[in-house]
Amino acid sequence: MAESFNKKEREKKRKKRKKDKLERKLEKKKLGIKPPEFTYIDENGNFTTEPPDPNKREKIKAEDIQISTPKGNRVNTPLRRRGFVKFINEAKKFGFVKDSITNAEFYFQTDRLDIDLREHDKITFDTIKGPKGKIAVNIELS
């Protein structure tokens, strides 16, 4: 099987790189240049070959380390969202609402509503997790 010109050129370049790398390695060996055995990080976060001064080390108590997120005074009641009815299909009894702040769209079912909605009506609503993502519930005109 005949090799193409490009394959031969790539092979030549690869061999040349390998040869150059070996020459650099031998040259460093002659000059006595060795990579450092250890690399340290000083108190400023810079790499250095010398170990850091133990007197400059910051003392940290194990009790001060927080492993988890601190608990806050969160209330588990969801916030009411504001938005508008983007699309509604009365025949198939579903629609979509769009959140005013996040521009996220949520599905809702019209047969669960006590009010009549039309497109572009301003509303407030809650969201819950549905089978295919979040859905809008408790929809009220605002």
Protein backbone atom coordinates (compact mmCIF):
# COMPACT_ATOMS: atom_id res chain seq x y z
CA MET A 1 0.00 0.00 0.00
CA ALA A 2 1.47 3.32 -1.03
CA GLU A 3 1.67 6.09 1.55
CA SER A 4 0.50 9.53 0.58
CA PHE A 5 2.76 12.58 0.65
CA ASN A 6 0.96 14.01 3.72
CA LYS A 7 1.45 10.83 5.70
CA LYS A 8 5.18 10.84 4.97
CA GLU A 9 5.47 14.50 5.97
CA ARG A 10 3.59 13.93 9.24
CA GLU A 11 5.82 10.98 10.05
CA LYS A 12 8.96 13.06 9.37
CA LYS A 13 7.70 15.85 11.64
CA ARG A 14 6.86 13.38 14.40
CA LYS A 15 10.34 11.81 14.24
CA LYS A 16 11.97 15.26 14.24
CA ARG A 17 10.00 16.34 17.34
CA LYS A 18 10.98 13.12 19.10
CA LYS A 19 14.65 13.63 18.18
CA ASP A 20 14.58 17.28 19.34
CA LYS A 21 13.02 16.28 22.64
CA LEU A 22 15.74 13.67 23.23
CA GLU A 23 18.46 16.24 22.40
CA ARG A 24 17.00 18.76 24.87
CA LYS A 25 16.86 16.06 27.53
CA LEU A 26 20.52 15.11 26.98
CA GLU A 27 21.57 18.78 26.98
CA LYS A 28 19.85 19.36 30.33
CA LYS A 29 21.54 16.25 31.68
CA LYS A 30 24.98 17.58 30.61
CA LEU A 31 24.38 20.95 32.23
CA GLY A 32 23.11 19.33 35.42
CA ILE A 33 19.69 20.93 35.22
CA LYS A 34 17.19 18.85 37.13
CA PRO A 35 13.55 19.64 37.67
CA PRO A 36 12.75 20.31 41.34
CA GLU A 37 11.72 17.27 43.33
CA PHE A 38 9.02 19.17 45.19
CA THR A 39 7.02 22.24 44.40
CA TYR A 40 5.54 24.17 47.30
CA ILE A 41 2.94 26.87 47.53
CA ASP A 42 3.82 29.86 49.70
CA GLU A 43 1.46 31.93 51.86
CA ASN A 44 0.57 34.13 48.87
CA GLY A 45 -0.41 31.16 46.70
CA ASN A 46 2.69 31.27 44.46
CA PHE A 47 4.70 28.19 43.43
CA THR A 48 8.19 27.93 44.89
CA THR A 49 10.91 25.31 45.25
CA GLU A 50 11.57 26.22 48.89
CA PRO A 51 9.31 25.01 51.69
CA PRO A 52 7.13 27.69 53.30
CA ASP A 53 8.09 29.25 56.62
CA PRO A 54 6.19 27.41 59.40
CA ASN A 55 6.03 30.62 61.46
CA LYS A 56 3.90 32.29 58.79
CA ARG A 57 1.41 29.43 58.77
CA GLU A 58 -2.10 30.42 59.82
CA LYS A 59 -3.56 28.46 62.73
CA ILE A 60 -7.07 27.14 62.07
CA LYS A 61 -9.18 25.40 64.68
CA ALA A 62 -11.11 22.33 63.59
CA GLU A 63 -14.26 23.71 65.25
CA ASP A 64 -14.19 26.77 62.97
CA ILE A 65 -14.41 24.71 59.77
CA GLN A 66 -17.95 24.50 58.39
CA ILE A 67 -18.53 21.38 56.36
CA SER A 68 -22.13 22.01 55.36
CA THR A 69 -24.16 25.02 54.42
CA PRO A 70 -25.36 26.86 57.53
CA LYS A 71 -29.07 26.55 58.17
CA GLY A 72 -30.95 29.77 57.67
CA ASN A 73 -34.39 30.94 58.61
CA ARG A 74 -35.99 29.74 55.43
CA VAL A 75 -39.69 29.38 55.17
CA ASN A 76 -40.79 26.46 53.00
CA THR A 77 -43.79 28.29 51.55
CA PRO A 78 -43.26 29.03 47.88
CA LEU A 79 -43.35 32.63 46.69
CA ARG A 80 -46.16 33.67 44.41
CA ARG A 81 -45.02 34.32 40.87
CA ARG A 82 -46.39 37.03 38.62
CA GLY A 83 -46.84 36.62 34.91
CA PHE A 84 -49.32 36.44 32.08
CA VAL A 85 -51.14 33.82 30.02
CA LYS A 86 -49.05 33.24 26.93
CA PHE A 87 -51.18 30.60 25.20
CA ILE A 88 -54.43 28.86 25.98
CA ASN A 89 -56.29 26.07 24.15
CA GLU A 90 -59.82 25.65 25.53
CA ALA A 91 -60.57 22.66 23.27
CA LYS A 92 -57.69 20.61 24.65
CA LYS A 93 -57.90 22.22 28.13
CA PHE A 94 -54.32 23.36 28.59
CA GLY A 95 -52.21 26.47 28.33
CA PHE A 96 -48.92 28.12 29.15
CA VAL A 97 -48.11 31.00 31.46
CA LYS A 98 -44.94 33.08 31.32
CA ASP A 99 -43.19 34.39 34.44
CA SER A 100 -42.57 38.15 34.25
CA ILE A 101 -39.22 38.07 36.03
CA THR A 102 -37.50 34.91 34.78
CA ASN A 103 -39.37 34.59 31.44
CA ALA A 104 -39.81 30.90 32.21
CA GLU A 105 -42.87 29.20 30.77
CA PHE A 106 -45.06 26.81 32.76
CA TYR A 107 -47.79 24.43 31.66
CA PHE A 108 -51.25 24.49 33.27
CA GLN A 109 -54.57 22.70 32.83
CA THR A 110 -57.72 24.77 32.32
CA ASP A 111 -60.12 22.15 33.71
CA ARG A 112 -58.60 22.72 37.18
CA LEU A 113 -59.32 26.47 37.12
CA ASP A 114 -62.26 28.25 38.76
CA ILE A 115 -61.84 31.33 36.56
CA ASP A 116 -62.00 32.04 32.84
CA LEU A 117 -58.67 33.05 31.36
CA ARG A 118 -57.76 34.63 28.04
CA GLU A 119 -54.39 35.19 26.43
CA HIS A 120 -52.37 38.10 27.85
CA ASP A 121 -54.32 38.15 31.16
CA LYS A 122 -52.07 39.18 34.07
CA ILE A 123 -51.99 36.52 36.76
CA THR A 124 -50.28 35.32 39.94
CA PHE A 125 -49.52 31.64 40.38
CA ASP A 126 -47.53 29.00 42.24
CA THR A 127 -45.43 26.24 40.73
CA ILE A 128 -45.13 22.61 41.69
CA LYS A 129 -43.15 19.74 40.26
CA GLY A 130 -45.09 17.85 37.62
CA PRO A 131 -44.27 14.67 35.68
CA LYS A 132 -42.39 16.60 32.96
CA GLY A 133 -41.19 19.65 34.88
CA LYS A 134 -42.71 22.49 36.86
CA ILE A 135 -46.38 23.31 36.32
CA ALA A 136 -48.44 26.35 37.29
CA VAL A 137 -51.14 25.89 39.94
CA ASN A 138 -53.35 28.18 42.09
CA ILE A 139 -53.72 30.64 39.21
CA GLU A 140 -55.50 33.89 40.07
CA LEU A 141 -56.14 37.06 38.10
CA SER A 142 -54.19 40.04 39.36
